[in-house]
N, C-alpha and C. Protein backbone atom coordinates (compact mmCIF):
# COMPACT_ATOMS: atom_id res chain seq x y z
N MET A 1 0.85 -1.19 0.00
CA MET A 1 0.00 0.00 0.00
C MET A 1 0.89 1.25 0.00
N THR A 2 0.65 2.13 -0.95
CA THR A 2 1.43 3.36 -1.05
C THR A 2 0.51 4.54 -0.84
N ARG A 3 0.88 5.43 0.03
CA ARG A 3 0.07 6.60 0.31
C ARG A 3 0.96 7.84 0.31
N ARG A 4 0.43 8.93 -0.20
CA ARG A 4 1.12 10.22 -0.11
C ARG A 4 0.46 11.01 1.01
N PHE A 5 1.13 11.10 2.13
CA PHE A 5 0.59 11.77 3.29
C PHE A 5 0.95 13.26 3.26
N PRO A 6 0.06 14.10 3.78
CA PRO A 6 0.41 15.52 3.89
C PRO A 6 1.58 15.71 4.84
N ARG A 7 2.48 16.64 4.49
CA ARG A 7 3.65 16.89 5.32
C ARG A 7 3.52 18.20 6.08
N ARG A 8 2.79 19.15 5.54
CA ARG A 8 2.65 20.43 6.21
C ARG A 8 1.89 20.28 7.53
N GLY A 9 2.40 20.88 8.57
CA GLY A 9 1.72 20.86 9.86
C GLY A 9 2.06 19.67 10.73
N ARG A 10 2.95 18.79 10.28
CA ARG A 10 3.27 17.62 11.10
C ARG A 10 4.34 17.92 12.14
N GLY A 11 5.19 18.89 11.87
CA GLY A 11 6.32 19.12 12.76
C GLY A 11 7.42 18.10 12.49
N PHE A 12 8.66 18.44 12.83
CA PHE A 12 9.77 17.57 12.46
C PHE A 12 9.68 16.20 13.14
N TRP A 13 9.56 16.19 14.48
CA TRP A 13 9.64 14.91 15.20
C TRP A 13 8.40 14.06 14.98
N PHE A 14 7.22 14.66 14.93
CA PHE A 14 6.01 13.90 14.63
C PHE A 14 6.09 13.36 13.20
N GLY A 15 6.57 14.18 12.27
CA GLY A 15 6.73 13.73 10.90
C GLY A 15 7.74 12.59 10.78
N LEU A 16 8.83 12.68 11.55
CA LEU A 16 9.84 11.62 11.52
C LEU A 16 9.25 10.31 12.05
N ALA A 17 8.48 10.40 13.15
CA ALA A 17 7.85 9.20 13.70
C ALA A 17 6.92 8.56 12.68
N ILE A 18 6.16 9.38 11.96
CA ILE A 18 5.27 8.85 10.92
C ILE A 18 6.08 8.14 9.84
N ASP A 19 7.17 8.78 9.37
CA ASP A 19 7.97 8.20 8.30
C ASP A 19 8.65 6.90 8.73
N VAL A 20 8.98 6.77 10.00
CA VAL A 20 9.62 5.55 10.50
C VAL A 20 8.59 4.43 10.69
N LEU A 21 7.44 4.77 11.26
CA LEU A 21 6.48 3.74 11.65
C LEU A 21 5.58 3.28 10.49
N TRP A 22 5.34 4.15 9.51
CA TRP A 22 4.45 3.77 8.42
C TRP A 22 4.93 2.52 7.67
N PRO A 23 6.21 2.40 7.26
CA PRO A 23 6.64 1.18 6.58
C PRO A 23 6.48 -0.07 7.45
N VAL A 24 6.74 0.08 8.76
CA VAL A 24 6.57 -1.06 9.67
C VAL A 24 5.10 -1.50 9.70
N LEU A 25 4.19 -0.53 9.75
CA LEU A 25 2.76 -0.84 9.77
C LEU A 25 2.34 -1.53 8.48
N VAL A 26 2.83 -1.05 7.35
CA VAL A 26 2.47 -1.64 6.06
C VAL A 26 2.96 -3.08 5.97
N LEU A 27 4.18 -3.35 6.43
CA LEU A 27 4.76 -4.68 6.33
C LEU A 27 4.18 -5.67 7.33
N SER A 28 3.63 -5.18 8.43
CA SER A 28 3.16 -6.07 9.49
C SER A 28 1.65 -6.23 9.51
N SER A 29 0.94 -5.55 8.62
CA SER A 29 -0.52 -5.59 8.68
C SER A 29 -1.11 -5.55 7.27
N ARG A 30 -2.42 -5.85 7.23
CA ARG A 30 -3.20 -5.68 6.00
C ARG A 30 -4.25 -4.62 6.31
N LEU A 31 -3.96 -3.40 5.92
CA LEU A 31 -4.80 -2.26 6.27
C LEU A 31 -5.93 -2.07 5.28
N ARG A 32 -7.10 -1.74 5.82
CA ARG A 32 -8.22 -1.33 4.98
C ARG A 32 -8.83 -0.09 5.59
N PHE A 33 -8.95 0.96 4.80
CA PHE A 33 -9.56 2.22 5.23
C PHE A 33 -10.87 2.41 4.47
N ARG A 34 -11.91 2.74 5.20
CA ARG A 34 -13.20 3.07 4.57
C ARG A 34 -13.77 4.33 5.21
N GLY A 35 -14.44 5.12 4.38
CA GLY A 35 -14.95 6.38 4.87
C GLY A 35 -13.86 7.44 4.85
N GLY A 36 -14.19 8.61 5.32
CA GLY A 36 -13.22 9.70 5.30
C GLY A 36 -13.58 10.80 6.26
N LEU A 37 -12.83 11.89 6.17
CA LEU A 37 -13.01 13.06 7.02
C LEU A 37 -13.25 14.28 6.13
N PRO A 38 -13.87 15.33 6.67
CA PRO A 38 -13.98 16.57 5.90
C PRO A 38 -12.60 17.04 5.46
N GLU A 39 -12.51 17.54 4.24
CA GLU A 39 -11.21 17.95 3.71
C GLU A 39 -10.64 19.16 4.42
N ARG A 40 -11.49 20.00 4.97
CA ARG A 40 -11.01 21.21 5.64
C ARG A 40 -11.98 21.59 6.75
N GLY A 41 -11.52 22.48 7.61
CA GLY A 41 -12.36 22.93 8.71
C GLY A 41 -12.18 22.07 9.94
N GLY A 42 -12.59 22.60 11.08
CA GLY A 42 -12.48 21.88 12.33
C GLY A 42 -13.30 20.60 12.32
N VAL A 43 -12.72 19.54 12.89
CA VAL A 43 -13.42 18.26 13.00
C VAL A 43 -12.89 17.53 14.22
N LEU A 44 -13.78 16.84 14.92
CA LEU A 44 -13.41 15.99 16.04
C LEU A 44 -13.57 14.55 15.60
N VAL A 45 -12.56 13.73 15.82
CA VAL A 45 -12.61 12.32 15.47
C VAL A 45 -12.65 11.51 16.76
N ALA A 46 -13.62 10.61 16.86
CA ALA A 46 -13.79 9.79 18.06
C ALA A 46 -13.57 8.34 17.71
N SER A 47 -12.56 7.72 18.30
CA SER A 47 -12.21 6.33 18.00
C SER A 47 -12.28 5.47 19.25
N ASN A 48 -12.62 4.20 19.06
CA ASN A 48 -12.46 3.23 20.14
C ASN A 48 -10.98 2.97 20.37
N HIS A 49 -10.65 2.30 21.49
CA HIS A 49 -9.25 2.17 21.91
C HIS A 49 -8.98 0.74 22.37
N LEU A 50 -8.04 0.08 21.65
CA LEU A 50 -7.77 -1.34 21.91
C LEU A 50 -6.30 -1.63 22.24
N SER A 51 -5.37 -0.76 21.80
CA SER A 51 -3.96 -1.13 21.81
C SER A 51 -3.09 0.11 21.76
N PHE A 52 -1.82 -0.04 22.16
CA PHE A 52 -0.86 1.04 21.98
C PHE A 52 -0.62 1.32 20.50
N ALA A 53 -1.02 0.41 19.62
CA ALA A 53 -0.87 0.64 18.18
C ALA A 53 -1.93 1.58 17.62
N ASP A 54 -2.99 1.87 18.38
CA ASP A 54 -4.08 2.69 17.85
C ASP A 54 -3.65 4.07 17.36
N PRO A 55 -2.81 4.80 18.10
CA PRO A 55 -2.42 6.11 17.57
C PRO A 55 -1.70 6.02 16.22
N ILE A 56 -1.02 4.91 15.97
CA ILE A 56 -0.33 4.74 14.69
C ILE A 56 -1.34 4.51 13.57
N THR A 57 -2.28 3.60 13.78
CA THR A 57 -3.25 3.29 12.73
C THR A 57 -4.21 4.46 12.51
N VAL A 58 -4.63 5.10 13.59
CA VAL A 58 -5.56 6.22 13.45
C VAL A 58 -4.87 7.41 12.78
N THR A 59 -3.60 7.65 13.11
CA THR A 59 -2.85 8.70 12.43
C THR A 59 -2.77 8.41 10.94
N ALA A 60 -2.47 7.16 10.59
CA ALA A 60 -2.39 6.78 9.18
C ALA A 60 -3.71 7.04 8.47
N PHE A 61 -4.82 6.69 9.13
CA PHE A 61 -6.14 6.92 8.52
C PHE A 61 -6.36 8.41 8.28
N CYS A 62 -6.10 9.22 9.29
CA CYS A 62 -6.32 10.67 9.15
C CYS A 62 -5.44 11.25 8.04
N LEU A 63 -4.17 10.86 8.02
CA LEU A 63 -3.27 11.38 6.99
C LEU A 63 -3.71 10.94 5.60
N ALA A 64 -4.23 9.71 5.50
CA ALA A 64 -4.69 9.22 4.20
C ALA A 64 -5.87 10.02 3.67
N THR A 65 -6.60 10.68 4.56
CA THR A 65 -7.72 11.54 4.15
C THR A 65 -7.29 12.99 3.99
N GLY A 66 -5.98 13.25 4.18
CA GLY A 66 -5.46 14.60 4.01
C GLY A 66 -5.44 15.45 5.25
N ARG A 67 -5.72 14.85 6.42
CA ARG A 67 -5.76 15.62 7.66
C ARG A 67 -4.63 15.18 8.60
N VAL A 68 -4.06 16.14 9.32
CA VAL A 68 -3.04 15.86 10.33
C VAL A 68 -3.72 15.90 11.69
N PRO A 69 -3.74 14.78 12.42
CA PRO A 69 -4.47 14.75 13.69
C PRO A 69 -3.70 15.39 14.83
N ARG A 70 -4.44 16.01 15.75
CA ARG A 70 -3.89 16.51 17.01
C ARG A 70 -4.53 15.69 18.13
N TYR A 71 -3.73 14.97 18.88
CA TYR A 71 -4.24 14.07 19.92
C TYR A 71 -4.35 14.74 21.27
N LEU A 72 -5.36 14.33 22.03
CA LEU A 72 -5.37 14.59 23.46
C LEU A 72 -4.76 13.36 24.13
N ALA A 73 -3.76 13.58 24.97
CA ALA A 73 -3.06 12.46 25.60
C ALA A 73 -2.58 12.88 26.97
N ARG A 74 -2.34 11.90 27.83
CA ARG A 74 -1.94 12.18 29.19
C ARG A 74 -0.62 12.95 29.21
N ASP A 75 -0.52 13.88 30.16
CA ASP A 75 0.57 14.85 30.14
C ASP A 75 1.94 14.23 30.40
N ASP A 76 2.00 13.05 31.03
CA ASP A 76 3.32 12.48 31.33
C ASP A 76 4.08 12.09 30.06
N LEU A 77 3.37 11.95 28.93
CA LEU A 77 4.06 11.63 27.68
C LEU A 77 4.99 12.77 27.28
N TRP A 78 4.64 14.00 27.64
CA TRP A 78 5.47 15.15 27.29
C TRP A 78 6.79 15.15 28.06
N ARG A 79 6.86 14.38 29.15
CA ARG A 79 8.09 14.34 29.95
C ARG A 79 9.01 13.19 29.56
N MET A 80 8.59 12.38 28.59
CA MET A 80 9.43 11.27 28.14
C MET A 80 10.39 11.78 27.07
N PRO A 81 11.67 11.34 27.10
CA PRO A 81 12.71 11.95 26.26
C PRO A 81 12.38 12.04 24.77
N VAL A 82 12.03 10.93 24.14
CA VAL A 82 11.77 10.94 22.69
C VAL A 82 10.31 11.23 22.42
N VAL A 83 9.43 10.55 23.14
CA VAL A 83 8.00 10.73 22.92
C VAL A 83 7.60 12.19 23.16
N GLY A 84 8.19 12.83 24.16
CA GLY A 84 7.88 14.23 24.44
C GLY A 84 8.16 15.13 23.26
N ARG A 85 9.24 14.88 22.56
CA ARG A 85 9.55 15.68 21.37
C ARG A 85 8.51 15.47 20.28
N VAL A 86 8.08 14.22 20.13
CA VAL A 86 7.05 13.93 19.13
C VAL A 86 5.75 14.65 19.47
N MET A 87 5.37 14.62 20.75
CA MET A 87 4.11 15.24 21.16
C MET A 87 4.15 16.76 20.98
N ARG A 88 5.26 17.37 21.37
CA ARG A 88 5.37 18.82 21.21
C ARG A 88 5.42 19.21 19.74
N SER A 89 6.18 18.45 18.96
CA SER A 89 6.34 18.75 17.54
C SER A 89 5.02 18.66 16.80
N GLY A 90 4.19 17.68 17.18
CA GLY A 90 2.93 17.45 16.49
C GLY A 90 1.80 18.37 16.92
N GLY A 91 2.06 19.25 17.89
CA GLY A 91 1.01 20.15 18.35
C GLY A 91 -0.11 19.44 19.09
N HIS A 92 0.21 18.32 19.74
CA HIS A 92 -0.79 17.56 20.47
C HIS A 92 -1.13 18.25 21.80
N ILE A 93 -2.17 17.78 22.45
CA ILE A 93 -2.76 18.50 23.58
C ILE A 93 -2.62 17.66 24.85
N PRO A 94 -1.85 18.13 25.84
CA PRO A 94 -1.69 17.36 27.08
C PRO A 94 -2.92 17.44 27.96
N VAL A 95 -3.24 16.32 28.59
CA VAL A 95 -4.35 16.24 29.53
C VAL A 95 -3.76 16.08 30.93
N HIS A 96 -3.97 17.08 31.78
CA HIS A 96 -3.43 17.08 33.14
C HIS A 96 -4.53 16.58 34.08
N ARG A 97 -4.64 15.28 34.21
CA ARG A 97 -5.73 14.72 35.00
C ARG A 97 -5.51 14.96 36.49
N GLY A 98 -6.60 15.34 37.17
CA GLY A 98 -6.57 15.47 38.61
C GLY A 98 -5.73 16.61 39.12
N THR A 99 -5.48 17.64 38.29
CA THR A 99 -4.69 18.78 38.72
C THR A 99 -5.47 20.07 38.45
N ALA A 100 -4.88 21.17 38.89
CA ALA A 100 -5.51 22.47 38.66
C ALA A 100 -5.52 22.84 37.18
N ARG A 101 -4.74 22.13 36.38
CA ARG A 101 -4.66 22.41 34.95
C ARG A 101 -5.54 21.47 34.13
N ALA A 102 -6.44 20.77 34.78
CA ALA A 102 -7.27 19.78 34.09
C ALA A 102 -8.12 20.41 32.99
N GLN A 103 -8.52 21.68 33.16
CA GLN A 103 -9.36 22.35 32.16
C GLN A 103 -8.56 22.85 30.95
N ASP A 104 -7.23 22.81 31.04
CA ASP A 104 -6.42 23.30 29.92
C ASP A 104 -6.68 22.50 28.65
N ALA A 105 -6.86 21.18 28.78
CA ALA A 105 -7.07 20.34 27.60
C ALA A 105 -8.36 20.73 26.89
N TYR A 106 -9.42 20.99 27.67
CA TYR A 106 -10.69 21.43 27.07
C TYR A 106 -10.49 22.74 26.33
N ARG A 107 -9.85 23.70 26.98
CA ARG A 107 -9.60 25.00 26.35
C ARG A 107 -8.80 24.85 25.07
N ASP A 108 -7.73 24.04 25.13
CA ASP A 108 -6.86 23.89 23.96
C ASP A 108 -7.54 23.12 22.84
N ALA A 109 -8.38 22.13 23.19
CA ALA A 109 -9.12 21.39 22.17
C ALA A 109 -10.14 22.28 21.47
N VAL A 110 -10.81 23.12 22.24
CA VAL A 110 -11.76 24.07 21.65
C VAL A 110 -11.04 25.01 20.70
N ALA A 111 -9.89 25.53 21.14
CA ALA A 111 -9.12 26.45 20.30
C ALA A 111 -8.67 25.78 19.01
N ALA A 112 -8.20 24.53 19.12
CA ALA A 112 -7.74 23.82 17.92
C ALA A 112 -8.88 23.56 16.96
N ALA A 113 -10.04 23.13 17.47
CA ALA A 113 -11.18 22.87 16.61
C ALA A 113 -11.65 24.15 15.92
N GLU A 114 -11.70 25.23 16.67
CA GLU A 114 -12.14 26.51 16.09
C GLU A 114 -11.12 27.06 15.10
N ASP A 115 -9.88 26.59 15.20
CA ASP A 115 -8.83 27.02 14.28
C ASP A 115 -8.76 26.13 13.05
N GLY A 116 -9.72 25.18 12.93
CA GLY A 116 -9.79 24.34 11.75
C GLY A 116 -8.99 23.07 11.81
N GLU A 117 -8.55 22.66 13.01
CA GLU A 117 -7.74 21.46 13.15
C GLU A 117 -8.61 20.21 13.23
N CYS A 118 -7.94 19.07 13.01
CA CYS A 118 -8.53 17.75 13.21
C CYS A 118 -8.08 17.26 14.58
N VAL A 119 -8.99 17.17 15.53
CA VAL A 119 -8.66 16.84 16.92
C VAL A 119 -9.15 15.43 17.21
N LEU A 120 -8.26 14.58 17.70
CA LEU A 120 -8.53 13.17 17.87
C LEU A 120 -8.77 12.82 19.34
N PHE A 121 -9.88 12.16 19.61
CA PHE A 121 -10.22 11.71 20.95
C PHE A 121 -10.36 10.19 20.98
N PHE A 122 -9.88 9.57 22.05
CA PHE A 122 -10.28 8.23 22.43
C PHE A 122 -11.22 8.42 23.63
N PRO A 123 -12.53 8.49 23.41
CA PRO A 123 -13.44 8.89 24.49
C PRO A 123 -13.44 7.97 25.70
N GLU A 124 -13.03 6.70 25.50
CA GLU A 124 -12.97 5.80 26.65
C GLU A 124 -11.83 6.17 27.60
N ALA A 125 -10.83 6.88 27.06
CA ALA A 125 -9.67 7.37 27.84
C ALA A 125 -8.76 6.25 28.32
N THR A 126 -8.99 5.04 27.86
CA THR A 126 -8.15 3.89 28.18
C THR A 126 -8.53 2.76 27.25
N PHE A 127 -7.77 1.65 27.30
CA PHE A 127 -8.14 0.50 26.49
C PHE A 127 -9.46 -0.09 26.98
N SER A 128 -10.24 -0.60 26.05
CA SER A 128 -11.47 -1.28 26.44
C SER A 128 -11.13 -2.51 27.28
N ASP A 129 -11.85 -2.66 28.39
CA ASP A 129 -11.67 -3.87 29.19
C ASP A 129 -12.82 -4.86 28.99
N HIS A 130 -13.65 -4.61 27.98
CA HIS A 130 -14.72 -5.55 27.65
C HIS A 130 -14.10 -6.86 27.17
N PRO A 131 -14.59 -8.01 27.65
CA PRO A 131 -13.97 -9.28 27.27
C PRO A 131 -13.98 -9.55 25.77
N GLU A 132 -14.90 -8.93 25.03
CA GLU A 132 -14.96 -9.11 23.58
C GLU A 132 -14.55 -7.84 22.84
N HIS A 133 -13.93 -6.92 23.57
CA HIS A 133 -13.32 -5.72 22.99
C HIS A 133 -14.32 -4.72 22.43
N TRP A 134 -15.54 -4.72 22.93
CA TRP A 134 -16.48 -3.69 22.53
C TRP A 134 -16.17 -2.40 23.28
N PRO A 135 -16.54 -1.25 22.72
CA PRO A 135 -16.27 0.01 23.43
C PRO A 135 -16.98 0.09 24.77
N MET A 136 -16.32 0.75 25.72
CA MET A 136 -16.91 1.01 27.01
C MET A 136 -17.65 2.35 26.95
N ARG A 137 -18.24 2.73 28.07
CA ARG A 137 -18.89 4.03 28.14
C ARG A 137 -17.85 5.14 28.01
N GLY A 138 -18.15 6.14 27.21
CA GLY A 138 -17.19 7.21 26.98
C GLY A 138 -17.27 8.31 28.02
N LYS A 139 -16.18 9.05 28.14
CA LYS A 139 -16.17 10.25 28.96
C LYS A 139 -16.67 11.43 28.12
N ASN A 140 -17.10 12.49 28.78
CA ASN A 140 -17.85 13.52 28.06
C ASN A 140 -17.02 14.67 27.50
N GLY A 141 -15.69 14.54 27.51
CA GLY A 141 -14.85 15.63 27.02
C GLY A 141 -15.13 15.99 25.57
N ILE A 142 -15.25 14.99 24.72
CA ILE A 142 -15.48 15.27 23.30
C ILE A 142 -16.86 15.89 23.09
N ALA A 143 -17.84 15.46 23.86
CA ALA A 143 -19.18 16.04 23.75
C ALA A 143 -19.15 17.51 24.15
N ARG A 144 -18.42 17.83 25.19
CA ARG A 144 -18.33 19.21 25.65
C ARG A 144 -17.69 20.10 24.57
N VAL A 145 -16.60 19.61 23.95
CA VAL A 145 -15.94 20.39 22.90
C VAL A 145 -16.85 20.52 21.68
N ALA A 146 -17.54 19.43 21.31
CA ALA A 146 -18.42 19.46 20.15
C ALA A 146 -19.56 20.45 20.33
N LEU A 147 -20.19 20.44 21.49
CA LEU A 147 -21.34 21.31 21.73
C LEU A 147 -20.92 22.76 21.95
N THR A 148 -19.67 22.97 22.34
CA THR A 148 -19.16 24.33 22.49
C THR A 148 -18.80 24.95 21.14
N THR A 149 -18.20 24.14 20.26
CA THR A 149 -17.68 24.67 18.99
C THR A 149 -18.63 24.49 17.82
N GLY A 150 -19.47 23.47 17.87
CA GLY A 150 -20.35 23.17 16.74
C GLY A 150 -19.67 22.44 15.60
N VAL A 151 -18.42 22.02 15.76
CA VAL A 151 -17.75 21.30 14.68
C VAL A 151 -18.24 19.85 14.66
N PRO A 152 -18.18 19.17 13.51
CA PRO A 152 -18.71 17.81 13.42
C PRO A 152 -17.86 16.80 14.18
N VAL A 153 -18.53 15.77 14.68
CA VAL A 153 -17.87 14.64 15.32
C VAL A 153 -17.97 13.44 14.37
N ILE A 154 -16.83 12.93 13.92
CA ILE A 154 -16.80 11.78 13.03
C ILE A 154 -16.43 10.54 13.85
N PRO A 155 -17.33 9.54 13.90
CA PRO A 155 -16.99 8.30 14.61
C PRO A 155 -16.06 7.44 13.77
N LEU A 156 -15.11 6.79 14.43
CA LEU A 156 -14.13 5.95 13.74
C LEU A 156 -13.99 4.63 14.48
N ALA A 157 -14.24 3.53 13.77
CA ALA A 157 -14.04 2.20 14.34
C ALA A 157 -12.67 1.69 13.93
N ASN A 158 -11.92 1.18 14.89
CA ASN A 158 -10.55 0.73 14.69
C ASN A 158 -10.49 -0.72 15.21
N TRP A 159 -10.26 -1.67 14.31
CA TRP A 159 -10.34 -3.07 14.70
C TRP A 159 -9.13 -3.86 14.17
N GLY A 160 -8.51 -4.63 15.05
CA GLY A 160 -7.40 -5.50 14.68
C GLY A 160 -6.09 -5.14 15.34
N THR A 161 -5.98 -3.94 15.89
CA THR A 161 -4.72 -3.53 16.50
C THR A 161 -4.38 -4.35 17.73
N HIS A 162 -5.40 -4.89 18.40
CA HIS A 162 -5.15 -5.71 19.59
C HIS A 162 -4.54 -7.05 19.21
N HIS A 163 -4.64 -7.44 17.95
CA HIS A 163 -3.94 -8.64 17.48
C HIS A 163 -2.51 -8.29 17.07
N LEU A 164 -2.32 -7.10 16.50
CA LEU A 164 -0.98 -6.68 16.09
C LEU A 164 -0.10 -6.40 17.30
N LEU A 165 -0.63 -5.68 18.27
CA LEU A 165 0.12 -5.34 19.49
C LEU A 165 -0.77 -5.62 20.68
N PRO A 166 -0.79 -6.86 21.16
CA PRO A 166 -1.69 -7.22 22.27
C PRO A 166 -1.34 -6.44 23.53
N ARG A 167 -2.35 -6.14 24.29
CA ARG A 167 -2.15 -5.45 25.55
C ARG A 167 -1.27 -6.30 26.47
N GLY A 168 -0.14 -5.76 26.88
CA GLY A 168 0.78 -6.49 27.75
C GLY A 168 1.61 -7.54 27.05
N GLY A 169 1.54 -7.59 25.71
CA GLY A 169 2.29 -8.60 24.96
C GLY A 169 3.27 -7.97 23.99
N LEU A 170 3.92 -8.82 23.21
CA LEU A 170 4.90 -8.38 22.23
C LEU A 170 4.21 -8.16 20.89
N PRO A 171 4.73 -7.23 20.07
CA PRO A 171 4.13 -7.02 18.76
C PRO A 171 4.28 -8.25 17.87
N ARG A 172 3.25 -8.49 17.08
CA ARG A 172 3.26 -9.62 16.14
C ARG A 172 3.49 -9.03 14.75
N LEU A 173 4.76 -8.87 14.40
CA LEU A 173 5.12 -8.10 13.22
C LEU A 173 5.19 -8.91 11.94
N PHE A 174 5.04 -10.23 12.02
CA PHE A 174 5.27 -11.05 10.83
C PHE A 174 4.03 -11.84 10.44
N ARG A 175 2.86 -11.40 10.86
CA ARG A 175 1.64 -12.15 10.57
C ARG A 175 0.71 -11.43 9.60
N ARG A 176 1.08 -10.23 9.16
CA ARG A 176 0.21 -9.42 8.28
C ARG A 176 -1.20 -9.36 8.87
N THR A 177 -1.29 -8.83 10.07
CA THR A 177 -2.54 -8.75 10.80
C THR A 177 -3.56 -7.88 10.07
N PRO A 178 -4.79 -8.38 9.85
CA PRO A 178 -5.82 -7.51 9.26
C PRO A 178 -6.22 -6.40 10.23
N ILE A 179 -6.24 -5.17 9.74
CA ILE A 179 -6.65 -4.01 10.53
C ILE A 179 -7.60 -3.18 9.69
N ASP A 180 -8.77 -2.92 10.23
CA ASP A 180 -9.78 -2.12 9.54
C ASP A 180 -10.04 -0.83 10.30
N LEU A 181 -10.09 0.26 9.57
CA LEU A 181 -10.53 1.54 10.14
C LEU A 181 -11.67 2.06 9.27
N VAL A 182 -12.80 2.31 9.93
CA VAL A 182 -14.01 2.68 9.21
C VAL A 182 -14.59 3.95 9.85
N ALA A 183 -14.70 5.00 9.06
CA ALA A 183 -15.30 6.25 9.52
C ALA A 183 -16.74 6.34 9.03
N GLY A 184 -17.59 6.89 9.86
CA GLY A 184 -18.98 7.06 9.50
C GLY A 184 -19.34 8.52 9.30
N PRO A 185 -20.59 8.79 9.05
CA PRO A 185 -21.04 10.18 8.94
C PRO A 185 -21.01 10.87 10.30
N ALA A 186 -21.06 12.19 10.28
CA ALA A 186 -21.03 12.95 11.52
C ALA A 186 -22.18 12.54 12.44
N VAL A 187 -21.89 12.46 13.72
CA VAL A 187 -22.92 12.10 14.71
C VAL A 187 -23.93 13.26 14.81
N PRO A 188 -25.22 12.97 14.71
CA PRO A 188 -26.22 14.05 14.78
C PRO A 188 -26.33 14.62 16.20
N LEU A 189 -25.93 15.86 16.33
CA LEU A 189 -25.97 16.55 17.62
C LEU A 189 -26.68 17.90 17.53
N ASP A 190 -27.25 18.22 16.36
CA ASP A 190 -27.82 19.55 16.14
C ASP A 190 -28.88 19.92 17.18
N ASP A 191 -29.68 18.94 17.59
CA ASP A 191 -30.76 19.24 18.52
C ASP A 191 -30.25 19.57 19.92
N LEU A 192 -28.97 19.27 20.19
CA LEU A 192 -28.38 19.56 21.50
C LEU A 192 -27.60 20.87 21.52
N MET A 193 -27.34 21.42 20.32
CA MET A 193 -26.57 22.65 20.25
C MET A 193 -27.34 23.80 20.90
N GLY A 194 -26.64 24.62 21.63
CA GLY A 194 -27.26 25.78 22.27
C GLY A 194 -27.90 25.50 23.60
N LYS A 195 -28.01 24.24 23.98
CA LYS A 195 -28.57 23.92 25.28
C LYS A 195 -27.50 24.08 26.36
N PRO A 196 -27.90 24.35 27.60
CA PRO A 196 -26.91 24.38 28.69
C PRO A 196 -26.19 23.03 28.77
N LEU A 197 -24.90 23.08 29.05
CA LEU A 197 -24.10 21.85 29.09
C LEU A 197 -24.27 21.14 30.43
N THR A 198 -25.47 20.66 30.64
CA THR A 198 -25.77 19.91 31.86
C THR A 198 -25.22 18.50 31.74
N ALA A 199 -25.19 17.80 32.86
CA ALA A 199 -24.73 16.41 32.85
C ALA A 199 -25.58 15.56 31.91
N ALA A 200 -26.89 15.81 31.89
CA ALA A 200 -27.79 15.02 31.04
C ALA A 200 -27.53 15.26 29.56
N VAL A 201 -27.30 16.52 29.18
CA VAL A 201 -27.03 16.84 27.78
C VAL A 201 -25.69 16.24 27.34
N LEU A 202 -24.68 16.39 28.18
CA LEU A 202 -23.37 15.84 27.84
C LEU A 202 -23.41 14.32 27.76
N ARG A 203 -24.18 13.68 28.63
CA ARG A 203 -24.29 12.23 28.60
C ARG A 203 -25.01 11.77 27.33
N GLU A 204 -26.06 12.48 26.94
CA GLU A 204 -26.79 12.13 25.72
C GLU A 204 -25.87 12.23 24.50
N ALA A 205 -25.12 13.34 24.41
CA ALA A 205 -24.21 13.51 23.28
C ALA A 205 -23.13 12.42 23.28
N THR A 206 -22.57 12.15 24.44
CA THR A 206 -21.52 11.13 24.55
C THR A 206 -22.05 9.76 24.17
N ASP A 207 -23.25 9.42 24.62
CA ASP A 207 -23.83 8.12 24.31
C ASP A 207 -24.09 7.98 22.81
N ARG A 208 -24.50 9.06 22.16
CA ARG A 208 -24.70 9.00 20.71
C ARG A 208 -23.38 8.75 19.99
N ILE A 209 -22.33 9.41 20.44
CA ILE A 209 -21.01 9.22 19.82
C ILE A 209 -20.55 7.78 19.99
N MET A 210 -20.66 7.24 21.19
CA MET A 210 -20.21 5.87 21.43
C MET A 210 -21.07 4.86 20.69
N ALA A 211 -22.36 5.12 20.58
CA ALA A 211 -23.25 4.22 19.82
C ALA A 211 -22.85 4.19 18.35
N ALA A 212 -22.47 5.34 17.80
CA ALA A 212 -22.05 5.40 16.40
C ALA A 212 -20.76 4.61 16.19
N ILE A 213 -19.80 4.75 17.12
CA ILE A 213 -18.56 3.98 17.02
C ILE A 213 -18.86 2.48 17.10
N THR A 214 -19.71 2.09 18.03
CA THR A 214 -20.04 0.67 18.22
C THR A 214 -20.69 0.07 17.00
N ALA A 215 -21.59 0.82 16.36
CA ALA A 215 -22.26 0.32 15.15
C ALA A 215 -21.25 0.12 14.02
N LEU A 216 -20.33 1.06 13.85
CA LEU A 216 -19.29 0.90 12.83
C LEU A 216 -18.38 -0.28 13.15
N LEU A 217 -18.07 -0.44 14.43
CA LEU A 217 -17.20 -1.54 14.83
C LEU A 217 -17.86 -2.89 14.56
N ALA A 218 -19.15 -2.98 14.77
CA ALA A 218 -19.87 -4.23 14.48
C ALA A 218 -19.72 -4.60 13.01
N ASP A 219 -19.85 -3.61 12.13
CA ASP A 219 -19.70 -3.87 10.70
C ASP A 219 -18.27 -4.28 10.36
N ALA A 220 -17.29 -3.59 10.95
CA ALA A 220 -15.89 -3.90 10.67
C ALA A 220 -15.54 -5.31 11.11
N ARG A 221 -16.03 -5.70 12.28
CA ARG A 221 -15.73 -7.03 12.80
C ARG A 221 -16.35 -8.12 11.94
N GLU A 222 -17.55 -7.87 11.43
CA GLU A 222 -18.23 -8.86 10.62
C GLU A 222 -17.55 -9.06 9.28
N GLU A 223 -16.99 -7.98 8.72
CA GLU A 223 -16.43 -8.04 7.38
C GLU A 223 -14.95 -8.38 7.36
N GLN A 224 -14.25 -8.27 8.50
CA GLN A 224 -12.81 -8.47 8.49
C GLN A 224 -12.46 -9.94 8.32
N PRO A 225 -11.51 -10.26 7.43
CA PRO A 225 -11.04 -11.64 7.32
C PRO A 225 -10.26 -12.03 8.56
N PRO A 226 -10.18 -13.31 8.88
CA PRO A 226 -9.46 -13.74 10.08
C PRO A 226 -7.98 -13.42 9.98
N ALA A 227 -7.37 -13.17 11.16
CA ALA A 227 -5.93 -12.90 11.21
C ALA A 227 -5.16 -14.14 10.80
N ALA A 228 -4.02 -13.93 10.12
CA ALA A 228 -3.20 -15.06 9.69
C ALA A 228 -2.52 -15.72 10.87
């Protein structure tokens, strides 16, 4: 599989990580991308979360549609020697959980979306612990940003990464693992726009987003060929 990814806006270290990891992903997996993202303008992408490989596959999907993703990720990644450079270079957004700076991620995500960026959320905020790898209940951060900015939320199902890089296991680089990423239409949230951001409104929006991801994931799982 050959793809011409956008280079503008990646930053040196994030771009270098993409250039290094993309050939490894191509050689170790059988990727299928379906659906897409808006070509321009602010967009929020909501994906399920199965493996440490997810940021690699989701980044590849976004780049293949012409968008450079900005991730929300835990702030300790910025303090890691190499990973920190990648996160800063890529313009990603640190999440300071349980601190006085916890609201910074919301503010920065709103600013990025309003500035026309593609902002990537894993709404579960951790790997799914469902025994059959279905999405768990999502946190409401993406709903809050969506209802504040009015930008579309695109659900993305990501399936197969848990076979490529099992949780707590070694990568399986020589099996050409099938991996499917499927994007759907924007989650309908228009009827919630302009309402006070109460717990009930945020929960309704979040549940719609997770339901859309789950429906796409069901289709991806049904259509994916078995892993080699």
